[in-house]
Amino acid sequence: MKVFINGETKEIAEQFNLLELLREFSLPSERIAIELNKEVVRKKDWESIAIKDADRIEIVHFVGGG
């Protein structure tokens, strides 16, 4: 299945939920926001939302500092 993550096409072999997708790409779940098809997804919903073919996902990392 093809999905678009941060503007890049990625092939994933099986259907994932958002939390599993983060694990698949070794991304931390802290200080991250996820947008799925132009809608921000609450962290508590990541595990219950399945990714579908052609979904557009934006993952933003928050960095502290000054």
PDB file of N, CA and C in Angstrom:
ATOM      1  N   MET A   1       0.857  -1.160   0.000  1.00  0.00           N
ATOM      2  CA  MET A   1       0.000   0.000   0.000  1.00  0.00           C
ATOM      3  C   MET A   1       0.906   1.227   0.000  1.00  0.00           C
ATOM      4  N   LYS A   2       0.490   2.266  -0.740  1.00  0.00           N
ATOM      5  CA  LYS A   2       1.251   3.520  -0.833  1.00  0.00           C
ATOM      6  C   LYS A   2       0.608   4.586   0.033  1.00  0.00           C
ATOM      7  N   VAL A   3       1.450   5.271   0.806  1.00  0.00           N
ATOM      8  CA  VAL A   3       1.007   6.430   1.582  1.00  0.00           C
ATOM      9  C   VAL A   3       2.010   7.555   1.357  1.00  0.00           C
ATOM     10  N   PHE A   4       1.617   8.748   1.696  1.00  0.00           N
ATOM     11  CA  PHE A   4       2.483   9.910   1.554  1.00  0.00           C
ATOM     12  C   PHE A   4       2.797  10.432   2.954  1.00  0.00           C
ATOM     13  N   ILE A   5       4.070  10.409   3.323  1.00  0.00           N
ATOM     14  CA  ILE A   5       4.489  10.862   4.637  1.00  0.00           C
ATOM     15  C   ILE A   5       5.416  12.053   4.450  1.00  0.00           C
ATOM     16  N   ASN A   6       4.988  13.195   4.976  1.00  0.00           N
ATOM     17  CA  ASN A   6       5.746  14.444   4.841  1.00  0.00           C
ATOM     18  C   ASN A   6       6.138  14.698   3.388  1.00  0.00           C
ATOM     19  N   GLY A   7       5.194  14.449   2.487  1.00  0.00           N
ATOM     20  CA  GLY A   7       5.398  14.736   1.068  1.00  0.00           C
ATOM     21  C   GLY A   7       6.128  13.662   0.289  1.00  0.00           C
ATOM     22  N   GLU A   8       6.591  12.605   0.937  1.00  0.00           N
ATOM     23  CA  GLU A   8       7.304  11.532   0.251  1.00  0.00           C
ATOM     24  C   GLU A   8       6.436  10.292   0.165  1.00  0.00           C
ATOM     25  N   THR A   9       6.476   9.618  -0.968  1.00  0.00           N
ATOM     26  CA  THR A   9       5.733   8.375  -1.145  1.00  0.00           C
ATOM     27  C   THR A   9       6.464   7.254  -0.427  1.00  0.00           C
ATOM     28  N   LYS A  10       5.725   6.514   0.401  1.00  0.00           N
ATOM     29  CA  LYS A  10       6.297   5.373   1.119  1.00  0.00           C
ATOM     30  C   LYS A  10       5.425   4.147   0.837  1.00  0.00           C
ATOM     31  N   GLU A  11       6.068   3.020   0.673  1.00  0.00           N
ATOM     32  CA  GLU A  11       5.364   1.749   0.525  1.00  0.00           C
ATOM     33  C   GLU A  11       5.377   1.048   1.875  1.00  0.00           C
ATOM     34  N   ILE A  12       4.218   0.655   2.338  1.00  0.00           N
ATOM     35  CA  ILE A  12       4.157  -0.149   3.553  1.00  0.00           C
ATOM     36  C   ILE A  12       3.440  -1.448   3.217  1.00  0.00           C
ATOM     37  N   ALA A  13       3.951  -2.528   3.737  1.00  0.00           N
ATOM     38  CA  ALA A  13       3.495  -3.856   3.350  1.00  0.00           C
ATOM     39  C   ALA A  13       2.152  -4.236   3.940  1.00  0.00           C
ATOM     40  N   GLU A  14       1.830  -3.701   5.090  1.00  0.00           N
ATOM     41  CA  GLU A  14       0.590  -4.089   5.743  1.00  0.00           C
ATOM     42  C   GLU A  14      -0.113  -2.864   6.288  1.00  0.00           C
ATOM     43  N   GLN A  15      -1.328  -3.071   6.684  1.00  0.00           N
ATOM     44  CA  GLN A  15      -2.097  -1.956   7.212  1.00  0.00           C
ATOM     45  C   GLN A  15      -1.686  -1.673   8.656  1.00  0.00           C
ATOM     46  N   PHE A  16      -1.370  -0.426   8.934  1.00  0.00           N
ATOM     47  CA  PHE A  16      -0.947   0.011  10.257  1.00  0.00           C
ATOM     48  C   PHE A  16      -1.943   1.020  10.807  1.00  0.00           C
ATOM     49  N   ASN A  17      -1.941   1.135  12.135  1.00  0.00           N
ATOM     50  CA  ASN A  17      -2.573   2.319  12.715  1.00  0.00           C
ATOM     51  C   ASN A  17      -1.457   3.358  12.850  1.00  0.00           C
ATOM     52  N   LEU A  18      -1.803   4.564  13.253  1.00  0.00           N
ATOM     53  CA  LEU A  18      -0.798   5.637  13.304  1.00  0.00           C
ATOM     54  C   LEU A  18       0.332   5.340  14.283  1.00  0.00           C
ATOM     55  N   LEU A  19       0.019   4.756  15.429  1.00  0.00           N
ATOM     56  CA  LEU A  19       1.052   4.441  16.406  1.00  0.00           C
ATOM     57  C   LEU A  19       2.024   3.389  15.863  1.00  0.00           C
ATOM     58  N   GLU A  20       1.502   2.375  15.190  1.00  0.00           N
ATOM     59  CA  GLU A  20       2.363   1.343  14.595  1.00  0.00           C
ATOM     60  C   GLU A  20       3.239   1.926  13.488  1.00  0.00           C
ATOM     61  N   LEU A  21       2.708   2.887  12.758  1.00  0.00           N
ATOM     62  CA  LEU A  21       3.490   3.534  11.710  1.00  0.00           C
ATOM     63  C   LEU A  21       4.698   4.256  12.306  1.00  0.00           C
ATOM     64  N   LEU A  22       4.496   4.957  13.422  1.00  0.00           N
ATOM     65  CA  LEU A  22       5.613   5.617  14.092  1.00  0.00           C
ATOM     66  C   LEU A  22       6.677   4.599  14.485  1.00  0.00           C
ATOM     67  N   ARG A  23       6.254   3.477  15.015  1.00  0.00           N
ATOM     68  CA  ARG A  23       7.200   2.428  15.419  1.00  0.00           C
ATOM     69  C   ARG A  23       7.925   1.848  14.210  1.00  0.00           C
ATOM     70  N   GLU A  24       7.204   1.646  13.120  1.00  0.00           N
ATOM     71  CA  GLU A  24       7.794   1.085  11.895  1.00  0.00           C
ATOM     72  C   GLU A  24       8.943   1.956  11.385  1.00  0.00           C
ATOM     73  N   PHE A  25       8.793   3.267  11.494  1.00  0.00           N
ATOM     74  CA  PHE A  25       9.821   4.184  11.024  1.00  0.00           C
ATOM     75  C   PHE A  25      10.716   4.694  12.162  1.00  0.00           C
ATOM     76  N   SER A  26      10.654   4.018  13.308  1.00  0.00           N
ATOM     77  CA  SER A  26      11.493   4.335  14.479  1.00  0.00           C
ATOM     78  C   SER A  26      11.378   5.800  14.900  1.00  0.00           C
ATOM     79  N   LEU A  27      10.168   6.315  14.914  1.00  0.00           N
ATOM     80  CA  LEU A  27       9.921   7.689  15.351  1.00  0.00           C
ATOM     81  C   LEU A  27       9.393   7.683  16.778  1.00  0.00           C
ATOM     82  N   PRO A  28       9.886   8.580  17.605  1.00  0.00           N
ATOM     83  CA  PRO A  28       9.382   8.648  18.985  1.00  0.00           C
ATOM     84  C   PRO A  28       7.953   9.190  18.996  1.00  0.00           C
ATOM     85  N   SER A  29       7.182   8.786  19.980  1.00  0.00           N
ATOM     86  CA  SER A  29       5.795   9.265  20.054  1.00  0.00           C
ATOM     87  C   SER A  29       5.670  10.512  20.925  1.00  0.00           C
ATOM     88  N   GLU A  30       6.733  10.905  21.592  1.00  0.00           N
ATOM     89  CA  GLU A  30       6.702  12.120  22.406  1.00  0.00           C
ATOM     90  C   GLU A  30       7.043  13.327  21.539  1.00  0.00           C
ATOM     91  N   ARG A  31       6.429  14.450  21.855  1.00  0.00           N
ATOM     92  CA  ARG A  31       6.659  15.726  21.168  1.00  0.00           C
ATOM     93  C   ARG A  31       6.450  15.622  19.657  1.00  0.00           C
ATOM     94  N   ILE A  32       5.398  14.907  19.263  1.00  0.00           N
ATOM     95  CA  ILE A  32       5.053  14.756  17.848  1.00  0.00           C
ATOM     96  C   ILE A  32       3.583  15.103  17.665  1.00  0.00           C
ATOM     97  N   ALA A  33       3.287  15.725  16.544  1.00  0.00           N
ATOM     98  CA  ALA A  33       1.902  15.943  16.134  1.00  0.00           C
ATOM     99  C   ALA A  33       1.718  15.247  14.784  1.00  0.00           C
ATOM    100  N   ILE A  34       0.543  14.667  14.589  1.00  0.00           N
ATOM    101  CA  ILE A  34       0.257  13.976  13.337  1.00  0.00           C
ATOM    102  C   ILE A  34      -0.976  14.589  12.698  1.00  0.00           C
ATOM    103  N   GLU A  35      -0.836  14.850  11.408  1.00  0.00           N
ATOM    104  CA  GLU A  35      -1.963  15.319  10.603  1.00  0.00           C
ATOM    105  C   GLU A  35      -2.251  14.226   9.580  1.00  0.00           C
ATOM    106  N   LEU A  36      -3.491  13.798   9.491  1.00  0.00           N
ATOM    107  CA  LEU A  36      -3.905  12.765   8.545  1.00  0.00           C
ATOM    108  C   LEU A  36      -4.928  13.378   7.606  1.00  0.00           C
ATOM    109  N   ASN A  37      -4.571  13.440   6.330  1.00  0.00           N
ATOM    110  CA  ASN A  37      -5.461  14.018   5.313  1.00  0.00           C
ATOM    111  C   ASN A  37      -5.973  15.397   5.717  1.00  0.00           C
ATOM    112  N   LYS A  38      -5.036  16.237   6.158  1.00  0.00           N
ATOM    113  CA  LYS A  38      -5.273  17.643   6.516  1.00  0.00           C
ATOM    114  C   LYS A  38      -6.088  17.849   7.783  1.00  0.00           C
ATOM    115  N   GLU A  39      -6.172  16.824   8.636  1.00  0.00           N
ATOM    116  CA  GLU A  39      -6.832  16.964   9.931  1.00  0.00           C
ATOM    117  C   GLU A  39      -5.885  16.484  11.026  1.00  0.00           C
ATOM    118  N   VAL A  40      -5.715  17.304  12.050  1.00  0.00           N
ATOM    119  CA  VAL A  40      -4.855  16.928  13.171  1.00  0.00           C
ATOM    120  C   VAL A  40      -5.524  15.797  13.949  1.00  0.00           C
ATOM    121  N   VAL A  41      -4.722  14.793  14.293  1.00  0.00           N
ATOM    122  CA  VAL A  41      -5.233  13.634  15.025  1.00  0.00           C
ATOM    123  C   VAL A  41      -4.737  13.704  16.467  1.00  0.00           C
ATOM    124  N   ARG A  42      -5.657  13.577  17.408  1.00  0.00           N
ATOM    125  CA  ARG A  42      -5.268  13.586  18.825  1.00  0.00           C
ATOM    126  C   ARG A  42      -4.464  12.332  19.155  1.00  0.00           C
ATOM    127  N   LYS A  43      -3.486  12.506  20.019  1.00  0.00           N
ATOM    128  CA  LYS A  43      -2.602  11.398  20.381  1.00  0.00           C
ATOM    129  C   LYS A  43      -3.381  10.191  20.908  1.00  0.00           C
ATOM    130  N   LYS A  44      -4.425  10.441  21.664  1.00  0.00           N
ATOM    131  CA  LYS A  44      -5.194   9.315  22.225  1.00  0.00           C
ATOM    132  C   LYS A  44      -5.903   8.506  21.140  1.00  0.00           C
ATOM    133  N   ASP A  45      -6.015   9.052  19.917  1.00  0.00           N
ATOM    134  CA  ASP A  45      -6.685   8.351  18.814  1.00  0.00           C
ATOM    135  C   ASP A  45      -5.719   7.630  17.874  1.00  0.00           C
ATOM    136  N   TRP A  46      -4.416   7.805  18.047  1.00  0.00           N
ATOM    137  CA  TRP A  46      -3.450   7.226  17.125  1.00  0.00           C
ATOM    138  C   TRP A  46      -3.605   5.721  16.974  1.00  0.00           C
ATOM    139  N   GLU A  47      -3.864   5.048  18.073  1.00  0.00           N
ATOM    140  CA  GLU A  47      -3.943   3.585  18.040  1.00  0.00           C
ATOM    141  C   GLU A  47      -5.207   3.080  17.353  1.00  0.00           C
ATOM    142  N   SER A  48      -6.247   3.881  17.327  1.00  0.00           N
ATOM    143  CA  SER A  48      -7.524   3.422  16.767  1.00  0.00           C
ATOM    144  C   SER A  48      -7.751   3.833  15.312  1.00  0.00           C
ATOM    145  N   ILE A  49      -6.829   4.617  14.742  1.00  0.00           N
ATOM    146  CA  ILE A  49      -7.020   5.083  13.370  1.00  0.00           C
ATOM    147  C   ILE A  49      -6.127   4.281  12.426  1.00  0.00           C
ATOM    148  N   ALA A  50      -6.771   3.524  11.544  1.00  0.00           N
ATOM    149  CA  ALA A  50      -6.050   2.715  10.565  1.00  0.00           C
ATOM    150  C   ALA A  50      -5.663   3.574   9.366  1.00  0.00           C
ATOM    151  N   ILE A  51      -4.475   3.339   8.871  1.00  0.00           N
ATOM    152  CA  ILE A  51      -4.000   4.040   7.683  1.00  0.00           C
ATOM    153  C   ILE A  51      -4.511   3.304   6.454  1.00  0.00           C
ATOM    154  N   LYS A  52      -4.956   4.086   5.469  1.00  0.00           N
ATOM    155  CA  LYS A  52      -5.488   3.513   4.234  1.00  0.00           C
ATOM    156  C   LYS A  52      -4.593   3.897   3.060  1.00  0.00           C
ATOM    157  N   ASP A  53      -4.730   3.161   1.976  1.00  0.00           N
ATOM    158  CA  ASP A  53      -3.974   3.448   0.776  1.00  0.00           C
ATOM    159  C   ASP A  53      -4.188   4.900   0.345  1.00  0.00           C
ATOM    160  N   ALA A  54      -3.108   5.569  -0.034  1.00  0.00           N
ATOM    161  CA  ALA A  54      -3.100   6.949  -0.530  1.00  0.00           C
ATOM    162  C   ALA A  54      -3.345   8.005   0.551  1.00  0.00           C
ATOM    163  N   ASP A  55      -3.335   7.614   1.831  1.00  0.00           N
ATOM    164  CA  ASP A  55      -3.455   8.611   2.900  1.00  0.00           C
ATOM    165  C   ASP A  55      -2.260   9.557   2.854  1.00  0.00           C
ATOM    166  N   ARG A  56      -2.517  10.792   3.245  1.00  0.00           N
ATOM    167  CA  ARG A  56      -1.465  11.804   3.339  1.00  0.00           C
ATOM    168  C   ARG A  56      -1.243  12.119   4.819  1.00  0.00           C
ATOM    169  N   ILE A  57      -0.024  11.859   5.256  1.00  0.00           N
ATOM    170  CA  ILE A  57       0.315  11.984   6.672  1.00  0.00           C
ATOM    171  C   ILE A  57       1.444  12.988   6.816  1.00  0.00           C
ATOM    172  N   GLU A  58       1.260  13.916   7.721  1.00  0.00           N
ATOM    173  CA  GLU A  58       2.318  14.865   8.062  1.00  0.00           C
ATOM    174  C   GLU A  58       2.679  14.621   9.525  1.00  0.00           C
ATOM    175  N   ILE A  59       3.963  14.436   9.787  1.00  0.00           N
ATOM    176  CA  ILE A  59       4.445  14.202  11.138  1.00  0.00           C
ATOM    177  C   ILE A  59       5.377  15.358  11.491  1.00  0.00           C
ATOM    178  N   VAL A  60       5.060  16.054  12.565  1.00  0.00           N
ATOM    179  CA  VAL A  60       5.834  17.226  12.967  1.00  0.00           C
ATOM    180  C   VAL A  60       6.458  16.956  14.330  1.00  0.00           C
ATOM    181  N   HIS A  61       7.748  17.196  14.424  1.00  0.00           N
ATOM    182  CA  HIS A  61       8.489  17.043  15.681  1.00  0.00           C
ATOM    183  C   HIS A  61       8.606  18.413  16.328  1.00  0.00           C
ATOM    184  N   PHE A  62       8.299  18.485  17.607  1.00  0.00           N
ATOM    185  CA  PHE A  62       8.467  19.723  18.355  1.00  0.00           C
ATOM    186  C   PHE A  62       9.823  19.705  19.027  1.00  0.00           C
ATOM    187  N   VAL A  63      10.561  20.797  18.887  1.00  0.00           N
ATOM    188  CA  VAL A  63      11.896  20.899  19.455  1.00  0.00           C
ATOM    189  C   VAL A  63      11.925  22.098  20.397  1.00  0.00           C
ATOM    190  N   GLY A  64      12.413  21.875  21.598  1.00  0.00           N
ATOM    191  CA  GLY A  64      12.534  22.981  22.561  1.00  0.00           C
ATOM    192  C   GLY A  64      13.839  23.724  22.367  1.00  0.00           C
ATOM    193  N   GLY A  65      13.934  24.840  22.965  1.00  0.00           N
ATOM    194  CA  GLY A  65      15.176  25.600  22.880  1.00  0.00           C
ATOM    195  C   GLY A  65      14.873  27.083  22.696  1.00  0.00           C
ATOM    196  N   GLY A  66      15.901  27.821  22.515  1.00  0.00           N
ATOM    197  CA  GLY A  66      15.688  29.254  22.360  1.00  0.00           C
ATOM    198  C   GLY A  66      16.738  29.938  21.577  1.00  0.00           C
TER     199      GLY A  66
END
